Amino acid sequence: PPAMHDVLNHFDAVENHVIEIYHNELGTDEIRIKIAAKVPTE
């Protein structure tokens, strides 16, 4: 997680974030990151 936090801290536009780890249907790791942004754009 610290490496991913560091990447997200690079962006001033990201106000907050969480990282979720879960297993997919194959039993392998998946990562889902939720971010709150000042101006959420594609």
ModelCIF file with pLDDT and N, C-alpha, C, O atoms, coordinates in Angstrom:
data_MODEL
#
_entry.id   MODEL 
#
_entity.id                         1 
_entity.type                       polymer 
_entity.pdbx_number_of_molecules   1 
#
_entity_poly.entity_id                      1 
_entity_poly.type                           'polypeptide(L)' 
_entity_poly.nstd_linkage                   no 
_entity_poly.nstd_monomer                   no 
_entity_poly.pdbx_seq_one_letter_code       PPAMHDVLNHFDAVENHVIEIYHNELGTDEIRIKIAAKVPTE 
_entity_poly.pdbx_seq_one_letter_code_can   PPAMHDVLNHFDAVENHVIEIYHNELGTDEIRIKIAAKVPTE 
_entity_poly.pdbx_strand_id                 A 
#
loop_
_entity_poly_seq.entity_id 
_entity_poly_seq.num 
_entity_poly_seq.mon_id 
_entity_poly_seq.hetero 
1 1  PRO n 
1 2  PRO n 
1 3  ALA n 
1 4  MET n 
1 5  HIS n 
1 6  ASP n 
1 7  VAL n 
1 8  LEU n 
1 9  ASN n 
1 10 HIS n 
1 11 PHE n 
1 12 ASP n 
1 13 ALA n 
1 14 VAL n 
1 15 GLU n 
1 16 ASN n 
1 17 HIS n 
1 18 VAL n 
1 19 ILE n 
1 20 GLU n 
1 21 ILE n 
1 22 TYR n 
1 23 HIS n 
1 24 ASN n 
1 25 GLU n 
1 26 LEU n 
1 27 GLY n 
1 28 THR n 
1 29 ASP n 
1 30 GLU n 
1 31 ILE n 
1 32 ARG n 
1 33 ILE n 
1 34 LYS n 
1 35 ILE n 
1 36 ALA n 
1 37 ALA n 
1 38 LYS n 
1 39 VAL n 
1 40 PRO n 
1 41 THR n 
1 42 GLU n 
#
_struct_asym.id          A 
_struct_asym.entity_id   1 
#
loop_
_ma_qa_metric.id 
_ma_qa_metric.mode 
_ma_qa_metric.name 
_ma_qa_metric.software_group_id 
_ma_qa_metric.type 
1 global pLDDT . pLDDT 
2 local  pLDDT . pLDDT 
#
_ma_qa_metric_global.metric_id      1 
_ma_qa_metric_global.metric_value   88.33 
_ma_qa_metric_global.model_id       1 
_ma_qa_metric_global.ordinal_id     1 
#
loop_
_ma_qa_metric_local.label_asym_id 
_ma_qa_metric_local.label_comp_id 
_ma_qa_metric_local.label_seq_id 
_ma_qa_metric_local.metric_id 
_ma_qa_metric_local.metric_value 
_ma_qa_metric_local.model_id 
_ma_qa_metric_local.ordinal_id 
A PRO 1  2 86.00 1 1  
A PRO 2  2 85.00 1 2  
A ALA 3  2 86.00 1 3  
A MET 4  2 89.00 1 4  
A HIS 5  2 89.00 1 5  
A ASP 6  2 86.00 1 6  
A VAL 7  2 90.00 1 7  
A LEU 8  2 92.00 1 8  
A ASN 9  2 87.00 1 9  
A HIS 10 2 88.00 1 10 
A PHE 11 2 92.00 1 11 
A ASP 12 2 88.00 1 12 
A ALA 13 2 92.00 1 13 
A VAL 14 2 93.00 1 14 
A GLU 15 2 91.00 1 15 
A ASN 16 2 92.00 1 16 
A HIS 17 2 94.00 1 17 
A VAL 18 2 94.00 1 18 
A ILE 19 2 93.00 1 19 
A GLU 20 2 92.00 1 20 
A ILE 21 2 90.00 1 21 
A TYR 22 2 88.00 1 22 
A HIS 23 2 82.00 1 23 
A ASN 24 2 78.00 1 24 
A GLU 25 2 74.00 1 25 
A LEU 26 2 66.00 1 26 
A GLY 27 2 73.00 1 27 
A THR 28 2 74.00 1 28 
A ASP 29 2 82.00 1 29 
A GLU 30 2 88.00 1 30 
A ILE 31 2 92.00 1 31 
A ARG 32 2 94.00 1 32 
A ILE 33 2 95.00 1 33 
A LYS 34 2 95.00 1 34 
A ILE 35 2 95.00 1 35 
A ALA 36 2 94.00 1 36 
A ALA 37 2 93.00 1 37 
A LYS 38 2 87.00 1 38 
A VAL 39 2 91.00 1 39 
A PRO 40 2 93.00 1 40 
A THR 41 2 94.00 1 41 
A GLU 42 2 93.00 1 42 
#
loop_
_atom_site.group_PDB 
_atom_site.id 
_atom_site.type_symbol 
_atom_site.label_atom_id 
_atom_site.label_alt_id 
_atom_site.label_comp_id 
_atom_site.label_asym_id 
_atom_site.label_entity_id 
_atom_site.label_seq_id 
_atom_site.pdbx_PDB_ins_code 
_atom_site.Cartn_x 
_atom_site.Cartn_y 
_atom_site.Cartn_z 
_atom_site.occupancy 
_atom_site.B_iso_or_equiv 
_atom_site.pdbx_formal_charge 
_atom_site.auth_seq_id 
_atom_site.auth_comp_id 
_atom_site.auth_asym_id 
_atom_site.auth_atom_id 
_atom_site.pdbx_PDB_model_num 
ATOM 1   N N  . PRO A 1 1  ? 0.784   -1.238  0.000   1.00 86.00 ? 1  PRO A N  1 
ATOM 2   C CA . PRO A 1 1  ? 0.000   0.000   0.000   1.00 86.00 ? 1  PRO A CA 1 
ATOM 3   C C  . PRO A 1 1  ? 0.819   1.294   0.000   1.00 86.00 ? 1  PRO A C  1 
ATOM 4   O O  . PRO A 1 1  ? 0.432   2.234   -0.694  1.00 86.00 ? 1  PRO A O  1 
ATOM 5   N N  . PRO A 1 2  ? 1.961   1.399   0.760   1.00 85.00 ? 2  PRO A N  1 
ATOM 6   C CA . PRO A 1 2  ? 2.678   2.679   0.743   1.00 85.00 ? 2  PRO A CA 1 
ATOM 7   C C  . PRO A 1 2  ? 3.071   3.158   -0.647  1.00 85.00 ? 2  PRO A C  1 
ATOM 8   O O  . PRO A 1 2  ? 3.058   4.361   -0.911  1.00 85.00 ? 2  PRO A O  1 
ATOM 9   N N  . ALA A 1 3  ? 3.421   2.233   -1.544  1.00 86.00 ? 3  ALA A N  1 
ATOM 10  C CA . ALA A 1 3  ? 3.801   2.630   -2.903  1.00 86.00 ? 3  ALA A CA 1 
ATOM 11  C C  . ALA A 1 3  ? 2.610   3.229   -3.643  1.00 86.00 ? 3  ALA A C  1 
ATOM 12  O O  . ALA A 1 3  ? 2.770   4.182   -4.407  1.00 86.00 ? 3  ALA A O  1 
ATOM 13  N N  . MET A 1 4  ? 1.417   2.679   -3.423  1.00 89.00 ? 4  MET A N  1 
ATOM 14  C CA . MET A 1 4  ? 0.216   3.213   -4.084  1.00 89.00 ? 4  MET A CA 1 
ATOM 15  C C  . MET A 1 4  ? -0.205  4.544   -3.469  1.00 89.00 ? 4  MET A C  1 
ATOM 16  O O  . MET A 1 4  ? -0.635  5.454   -4.179  1.00 89.00 ? 4  MET A O  1 
ATOM 17  N N  . HIS A 1 5  ? -0.077  4.656   -2.132  1.00 89.00 ? 5  HIS A N  1 
ATOM 18  C CA . HIS A 1 5  ? -0.370  5.948   -1.494  1.00 89.00 ? 5  HIS A CA 1 
ATOM 19  C C  . HIS A 1 5  ? 0.532   7.029   -2.073  1.00 89.00 ? 5  HIS A C  1 
ATOM 20  O O  . HIS A 1 5  ? 0.091   8.153   -2.310  1.00 89.00 ? 5  HIS A O  1 
ATOM 21  N N  . ASP A 1 6  ? 1.793   6.684   -2.300  1.00 86.00 ? 6  ASP A N  1 
ATOM 22  C CA . ASP A 1 6  ? 2.759   7.653   -2.806  1.00 86.00 ? 6  ASP A CA 1 
ATOM 23  C C  . ASP A 1 6  ? 2.362   8.130   -4.205  1.00 86.00 ? 6  ASP A C  1 
ATOM 24  O O  . ASP A 1 6  ? 2.469   9.319   -4.506  1.00 86.00 ? 6  ASP A O  1 
ATOM 25  N N  . VAL A 1 7  ? 1.909   7.220   -5.051  1.00 90.00 ? 7  VAL A N  1 
ATOM 26  C CA . VAL A 1 7  ? 1.454   7.595   -6.397  1.00 90.00 ? 7  VAL A CA 1 
ATOM 27  C C  . VAL A 1 7  ? 0.270   8.559   -6.312  1.00 90.00 ? 7  VAL A C  1 
ATOM 28  O O  . VAL A 1 7  ? 0.233   9.566   -7.020  1.00 90.00 ? 7  VAL A O  1 
ATOM 29  N N  . LEU A 1 8  ? -0.690  8.251   -5.451  1.00 92.00 ? 8  LEU A N  1 
ATOM 30  C CA . LEU A 1 8  ? -1.886  9.095   -5.343  1.00 92.00 ? 8  LEU A CA 1 
ATOM 31  C C  . LEU A 1 8  ? -1.566  10.453  -4.734  1.00 92.00 ? 8  LEU A C  1 
ATOM 32  O O  . LEU A 1 8  ? -2.210  11.448  -5.065  1.00 92.00 ? 8  LEU A O  1 
ATOM 33  N N  . ASN A 1 9  ? -0.576  10.502  -3.845  1.00 87.00 ? 9  ASN A N  1 
ATOM 34  C CA . ASN A 1 9  ? -0.180  11.781  -3.248  1.00 87.00 ? 9  ASN A CA 1 
ATOM 35  C C  . ASN A 1 9  ? 0.446   12.727  -4.269  1.00 87.00 ? 9  ASN A C  1 
ATOM 36  O O  . ASN A 1 9  ? 0.597   13.920  -4.004  1.00 87.00 ? 9  ASN A O  1 
ATOM 37  N N  . HIS A 1 10 ? 0.806   12.199  -5.426  1.00 88.00 ? 10 HIS A N  1 
ATOM 38  C CA . HIS A 1 10 ? 1.382   13.031  -6.487  1.00 88.00 ? 10 HIS A CA 1 
ATOM 39  C C  . HIS A 1 10 ? 0.363   14.024  -7.046  1.00 88.00 ? 10 HIS A C  1 
ATOM 40  O O  . HIS A 1 10 ? 0.742   15.071  -7.571  1.00 88.00 ? 10 HIS A O  1 
ATOM 41  N N  . PHE A 1 11 ? -0.916  13.703  -6.938  1.00 92.00 ? 11 PHE A N  1 
ATOM 42  C CA . PHE A 1 11 ? -1.961  14.492  -7.605  1.00 92.00 ? 11 PHE A CA 1 
ATOM 43  C C  . PHE A 1 11 ? -2.645  15.444  -6.621  1.00 92.00 ? 11 PHE A C  1 
ATOM 44  O O  . PHE A 1 11 ? -3.352  15.019  -5.709  1.00 92.00 ? 11 PHE A O  1 
ATOM 45  N N  . ASP A 1 12 ? -2.415  16.741  -6.831  1.00 88.00 ? 12 ASP A N  1 
ATOM 46  C CA . ASP A 1 12 ? -3.066  17.747  -5.991  1.00 88.00 ? 12 ASP A CA 1 
ATOM 47  C C  . ASP A 1 12 ? -4.584  17.705  -6.140  1.00 88.00 ? 12 ASP A C  1 
ATOM 48  O O  . ASP A 1 12 ? -5.315  18.073  -5.220  1.00 88.00 ? 12 ASP A O  1 
ATOM 49  N N  . ALA A 1 13 ? -5.052  17.255  -7.301  1.00 92.00 ? 13 ALA A N  1 
ATOM 50  C CA . ALA A 1 13 ? -6.499  17.227  -7.560  1.00 92.00 ? 13 ALA A CA 1 
ATOM 51  C C  . ALA A 1 13 ? -7.217  16.157  -6.737  1.00 92.00 ? 13 ALA A C  1 
ATOM 52  O O  . ALA A 1 13 ? -8.435  16.217  -6.568  1.00 92.00 ? 13 ALA A O  1 
ATOM 53  N N  . VAL A 1 14 ? -6.456  15.170  -6.220  1.00 93.00 ? 14 VAL A N  1 
ATOM 54  C CA . VAL A 1 14 ? -7.055  14.103  -5.411  1.00 93.00 ? 14 VAL A CA 1 
ATOM 55  C C  . VAL A 1 14 ? -7.125  14.570  -3.964  1.00 93.00 ? 14 VAL A C  1 
ATOM 56  O O  . VAL A 1 14 ? -6.097  14.769  -3.317  1.00 93.00 ? 14 VAL A O  1 
ATOM 57  N N  . GLU A 1 15 ? -8.341  14.742  -3.463  1.00 91.00 ? 15 GLU A N  1 
ATOM 58  C CA . GLU A 1 15 ? -8.539  15.241  -2.100  1.00 91.00 ? 15 GLU A CA 1 
ATOM 59  C C  . GLU A 1 15 ? -8.465  14.131  -1.058  1.00 91.00 ? 15 GLU A C  1 
ATOM 60  O O  . GLU A 1 15 ? -8.037  14.358  0.074   1.00 91.00 ? 15 GLU A O  1 
ATOM 61  N N  . ASN A 1 16 ? -8.880  12.943  -1.444  1.00 92.00 ? 16 ASN A N  1 
ATOM 62  C CA . ASN A 1 16 ? -8.861  11.818  -0.510  1.00 92.00 ? 16 ASN A CA 1 
ATOM 63  C C  . ASN A 1 16 ? -8.894  10.533  -1.318  1.00 92.00 ? 16 ASN A C  1 
ATOM 64  O O  . ASN A 1 16 ? -9.274  10.533  -2.489  1.00 92.00 ? 16 ASN A O  1 
ATOM 65  N N  . HIS A 1 17 ? -8.491  9.435   -0.682  1.00 94.00 ? 17 HIS A N  1 
ATOM 66  C CA . HIS A 1 17 ? -8.530  8.164   -1.397  1.00 94.00 ? 17 HIS A CA 1 
ATOM 67  C C  . HIS A 1 17 ? -8.552  7.006   -0.421  1.00 94.00 ? 17 HIS A C  1 
ATOM 68  O O  . HIS A 1 17 ? -8.127  7.138   0.727   1.00 94.00 ? 17 HIS A O  1 
ATOM 69  N N  . VAL A 1 18 ? -9.056  5.861   -0.889  1.00 94.00 ? 18 VAL A N  1 
ATOM 70  C CA . VAL A 1 18 ? -8.948  4.596   -0.161  1.00 94.00 ? 18 VAL A CA 1 
ATOM 71  C C  . VAL A 1 18 ? -8.555  3.513   -1.158  1.00 94.00 ? 18 VAL A C  1 
ATOM 72  O O  . VAL A 1 18 ? -8.854  3.604   -2.349  1.00 94.00 ? 18 VAL A O  1 
ATOM 73  N N  . ILE A 1 19 ? -7.883  2.494   -0.653  1.00 93.00 ? 19 ILE A N  1 
ATOM 74  C CA . ILE A 1 19 ? -7.470  1.351   -1.466  1.00 93.00 ? 19 ILE A CA 1 
ATOM 75  C C  . ILE A 1 19 ? -8.159  0.112   -0.918  1.00 93.00 ? 19 ILE A C  1 
ATOM 76  O O  . ILE A 1 19 ? -8.064  -0.180  0.274   1.00 93.00 ? 19 ILE A O  1 
ATOM 77  N N  . GLU A 1 20 ? -8.848  -0.612  -1.779  1.00 92.00 ? 20 GLU A N  1 
ATOM 78  C CA . GLU A 1 20 ? -9.533  -1.848  -1.374  1.00 92.00 ? 20 GLU A CA 1 
ATOM 79  C C  . GLU A 1 20 ? -8.908  -3.031  -2.111  1.00 92.00 ? 20 GLU A C  1 
ATOM 80  O O  . GLU A 1 20 ? -8.690  -2.977  -3.321  1.00 92.00 ? 20 GLU A O  1 
ATOM 81  N N  . ILE A 1 21 ? -8.628  -4.086  -1.376  1.00 90.00 ? 21 ILE A N  1 
ATOM 82  C CA . ILE A 1 21 ? -8.065  -5.308  -1.950  1.00 90.00 ? 21 ILE A CA 1 
ATOM 83  C C  . ILE A 1 21 ? -9.072  -6.439  -1.732  1.00 90.00 ? 21 ILE A C  1 
ATOM 84  O O  . ILE A 1 21 ? -9.604  -6.606  -0.635  1.00 90.00 ? 21 ILE A O  1 
ATOM 85  N N  . TYR A 1 22 ? -9.324  -7.208  -2.782  1.00 88.00 ? 22 TYR A N  1 
ATOM 86  C CA . TYR A 1 22 ? -10.265 -8.327  -2.656  1.00 88.00 ? 22 TYR A CA 1 
ATOM 87  C C  . TYR A 1 22 ? -9.865  -9.416  -3.644  1.00 88.00 ? 22 TYR A C  1 
ATOM 88  O O  . TYR A 1 22 ? -9.052  -9.181  -4.539  1.00 88.00 ? 22 TYR A O  1 
ATOM 89  N N  . HIS A 1 23 ? -10.433 -10.597 -3.483  1.00 82.00 ? 23 HIS A N  1 
ATOM 90  C CA . HIS A 1 23 ? -10.180 -11.693 -4.412  1.00 82.00 ? 23 HIS A CA 1 
ATOM 91  C C  . HIS A 1 23 ? -11.257 -11.720 -5.490  1.00 82.00 ? 23 HIS A C  1 
ATOM 92  O O  . HIS A 1 23 ? -12.442 -11.565 -5.196  1.00 82.00 ? 23 HIS A O  1 
ATOM 93  N N  . ASN A 1 24 ? -10.838 -11.918 -6.745  1.00 78.00 ? 24 ASN A N  1 
ATOM 94  C CA . ASN A 1 24 ? -11.812 -12.079 -7.828  1.00 78.00 ? 24 ASN A CA 1 
ATOM 95  C C  . ASN A 1 24 ? -12.296 -13.527 -7.887  1.00 78.00 ? 24 ASN A C  1 
ATOM 96  O O  . ASN A 1 24 ? -11.959 -14.342 -7.029  1.00 78.00 ? 24 ASN A O  1 
ATOM 97  N N  . GLU A 1 25 ? -13.086 -13.830 -8.906  1.00 74.00 ? 25 GLU A N  1 
ATOM 98  C CA . GLU A 1 25 ? -13.685 -15.168 -8.982  1.00 74.00 ? 25 GLU A CA 1 
ATOM 99  C C  . GLU A 1 25 ? -12.638 -16.261 -9.199  1.00 74.00 ? 25 GLU A C  1 
ATOM 100 O O  . GLU A 1 25 ? -12.924 -17.441 -8.993  1.00 74.00 ? 25 GLU A O  1 
ATOM 101 N N  . LEU A 1 26 ? -11.427 -15.877 -9.615  1.00 66.00 ? 26 LEU A N  1 
ATOM 102 C CA . LEU A 1 26 ? -10.347 -16.848 -9.802  1.00 66.00 ? 26 LEU A CA 1 
ATOM 103 C C  . LEU A 1 26 ? -9.508  -17.016 -8.548  1.00 66.00 ? 26 LEU A C  1 
ATOM 104 O O  . LEU A 1 26 ? -8.603  -17.849 -8.503  1.00 66.00 ? 26 LEU A O  1 
ATOM 105 N N  . GLY A 1 27 ? -9.814  -16.214 -7.522  1.00 73.00 ? 27 GLY A N  1 
ATOM 106 C CA . GLY A 1 27 ? -9.074  -16.301 -6.270  1.00 73.00 ? 27 GLY A CA 1 
ATOM 107 C C  . GLY A 1 27 ? -7.790  -15.497 -6.249  1.00 73.00 ? 27 GLY A C  1 
ATOM 108 O O  . GLY A 1 27 ? -6.990  -15.645 -5.325  1.00 73.00 ? 27 GLY A O  1 
ATOM 109 N N  . THR A 1 28 ? -7.573  -14.649 -7.243  1.00 74.00 ? 28 THR A N  1 
ATOM 110 C CA . THR A 1 28 ? -6.374  -13.812 -7.273  1.00 74.00 ? 28 THR A CA 1 
ATOM 111 C C  . THR A 1 28 ? -6.700  -12.390 -6.798  1.00 74.00 ? 28 THR A C  1 
ATOM 112 O O  . THR A 1 28 ? -7.863  -11.991 -6.743  1.00 74.00 ? 28 THR A O  1 
ATOM 113 N N  . ASP A 1 29 ? -5.651  -11.640 -6.459  1.00 82.00 ? 29 ASP A N  1 
ATOM 114 C CA . ASP A 1 29 ? -5.836  -10.308 -5.885  1.00 82.00 ? 29 ASP A CA 1 
ATOM 115 C C  . ASP A 1 29 ? -6.334  -9.293  -6.911  1.00 82.00 ? 29 ASP A C  1 
ATOM 116 O O  . ASP A 1 29 ? -5.862  -9.252  -8.047  1.00 82.00 ? 29 ASP A O  1 
ATOM 117 N N  . GLU A 1 30 ? -7.286  -8.486  -6.492  1.00 88.00 ? 30 GLU A N  1 
ATOM 118 C CA . GLU A 1 30 ? -7.755  -7.347  -7.279  1.00 88.00 ? 30 GLU A CA 1 
ATOM 119 C C  . GLU A 1 30 ? -7.619  -6.086  -6.435  1.00 88.00 ? 30 GLU A C  1 
ATOM 120 O O  . GLU A 1 30 ? -7.741  -6.124  -5.211  1.00 88.00 ? 30 GLU A O  1 
ATOM 121 N N  . ILE A 1 31 ? -7.366  -4.973  -7.108  1.00 92.00 ? 31 ILE A N  1 
ATOM 122 C CA . ILE A 1 31 ? -7.210  -3.683  -6.426  1.00 92.00 ? 31 ILE A CA 1 
ATOM 123 C C  . ILE A 1 31 ? -8.271  -2.725  -6.950  1.00 92.00 ? 31 ILE A C  1 
ATOM 124 O O  . ILE A 1 31 ? -8.433  -2.561  -8.159  1.00 92.00 ? 31 ILE A O  1 
ATOM 125 N N  . ARG A 1 32 ? -8.986  -2.100  -6.033  1.00 94.00 ? 32 ARG A N  1 
ATOM 126 C CA . ARG A 1 32 ? -9.951  -1.055  -6.394  1.00 94.00 ? 32 ARG A CA 1 
ATOM 127 C C  . ARG A 1 32 ? -9.599  0.193   -5.590  1.00 94.00 ? 32 ARG A C  1 
ATOM 128 O O  . ARG A 1 32 ? -9.539  0.150   -4.361  1.00 94.00 ? 32 ARG A O  1 
ATOM 129 N N  . ILE A 1 33 ? -9.371  1.287   -6.278  1.00 95.00 ? 33 ILE A N  1 
ATOM 130 C CA . ILE A 1 33 ? -9.029  2.543   -5.620  1.00 95.00 ? 33 ILE A CA 1 
ATOM 131 C C  . ILE A 1 33 ? -10.169 3.538   -5.819  1.00 95.00 ? 33 ILE A C  1 
ATOM 132 O O  . ILE A 1 33 ? -10.604 3.791   -6.942  1.00 95.00 ? 33 ILE A O  1 
ATOM 133 N N  . LYS A 1 34 ? -10.636 4.087   -4.723  1.00 95.00 ? 34 LYS A N  1 
ATOM 134 C CA . LYS A 1 34 ? -11.688 5.105   -4.773  1.00 95.00 ? 34 LYS A CA 1 
ATOM 135 C C  . LYS A 1 34 ? -11.057 6.453   -4.451  1.00 95.00 ? 34 LYS A C  1 
ATOM 136 O O  . LYS A 1 34 ? -10.347 6.592   -3.456  1.00 95.00 ? 34 LYS A O  1 
ATOM 137 N N  . ILE A 1 35 ? -11.319 7.442   -5.295  1.00 95.00 ? 35 ILE A N  1 
ATOM 138 C CA . ILE A 1 35 ? -10.740 8.767   -5.092  1.00 95.00 ? 35 ILE A CA 1 
ATOM 139 C C  . ILE A 1 35 ? -11.822 9.832   -5.078  1.00 95.00 ? 35 ILE A C  1 
ATOM 140 O O  . ILE A 1 35 ? -12.825 9.736   -5.784  1.00 95.00 ? 35 ILE A O  1 
ATOM 141 N N  . ALA A 1 36 ? -11.595 10.844  -4.260  1.00 94.00 ? 36 ALA A N  1 
ATOM 142 C CA . ALA A 1 36 ? -12.433 12.047  -4.268  1.00 94.00 ? 36 ALA A CA 1 
ATOM 143 C C  . ALA A 1 36 ? -11.588 13.156  -4.880  1.00 94.00 ? 36 ALA A C  1 
ATOM 144 O O  . ALA A 1 36 ? -10.486 13.434  -4.408  1.00 94.00 ? 36 ALA A O  1 
ATOM 145 N N  . ALA A 1 37 ? -12.100 13.785  -5.925  1.00 93.00 ? 37 ALA A N  1 
ATOM 146 C CA . ALA A 1 37 ? -11.342 14.800  -6.645  1.00 93.00 ? 37 ALA A CA 1 
ATOM 147 C C  . ALA A 1 37 ? -12.081 16.128  -6.645  1.00 93.00 ? 37 ALA A C  1 
ATOM 148 O O  . ALA A 1 37 ? -13.309 16.184  -6.586  1.00 93.00 ? 37 ALA A O  1 
ATOM 149 N N  . LYS A 1 38 ? -11.290 17.202  -6.714  1.00 87.00 ? 38 LYS A N  1 
ATOM 150 C CA . LYS A 1 38 ? -11.889 18.535  -6.765  1.00 87.00 ? 38 LYS A CA 1 
ATOM 151 C C  . LYS A 1 38 ? -12.743 18.682  -8.016  1.00 87.00 ? 38 LYS A C  1 
ATOM 152 O O  . LYS A 1 38 ? -13.853 19.212  -7.966  1.00 87.00 ? 38 LYS A O  1 
ATOM 153 N N  . VAL A 1 39 ? -12.210 18.205  -9.142  1.00 91.00 ? 39 VAL A N  1 
ATOM 154 C CA . VAL A 1 39 ? -12.969 18.205  -10.402 1.00 91.00 ? 39 VAL A CA 1 
ATOM 155 C C  . VAL A 1 39 ? -12.802 16.819  -11.021 1.00 91.00 ? 39 VAL A C  1 
ATOM 156 O O  . VAL A 1 39 ? -11.810 16.565  -11.705 1.00 91.00 ? 39 VAL A O  1 
ATOM 157 N N  . PRO A 1 40 ? -13.765 15.914  -10.789 1.00 93.00 ? 40 PRO A N  1 
ATOM 158 C CA . PRO A 1 40 ? -13.642 14.550  -11.308 1.00 93.00 ? 40 PRO A CA 1 
ATOM 159 C C  . PRO A 1 40 ? -13.874 14.501  -12.820 1.00 93.00 ? 40 PRO A C  1 
ATOM 160 O O  . PRO A 1 40 ? -14.992 14.717  -13.289 1.00 93.00 ? 40 PRO A O  1 
ATOM 161 N N  . THR A 1 41 ? -12.830 14.220  -13.568 1.00 94.00 ? 41 THR A N  1 
ATOM 162 C CA . THR A 1 41 ? -12.935 14.142  -15.027 1.00 94.00 ? 41 THR A CA 1 
ATOM 163 C C  . THR A 1 41 ? -12.301 12.852  -15.522 1.00 94.00 ? 41 THR A C  1 
ATOM 164 O O  . THR A 1 41 ? -11.482 12.238  -14.838 1.00 94.00 ? 41 THR A O  1 
ATOM 165 N N  . GLU A 1 42 ? -12.694 12.456  -16.724 1.00 93.00 ? 42 GLU A N  1 
ATOM 166 C CA . GLU A 1 42 ? -12.093 11.273  -17.338 1.00 93.00 ? 42 GLU A CA 1 
ATOM 167 C C  . GLU A 1 42 ? -10.615 11.504  -17.634 1.00 93.00 ? 42 GLU A C  1 
ATOM 168 O O  . GLU A 1 42 ? -9.943  10.613  -18.153 1.00 93.00 ? 42 GLU A O  1 
#
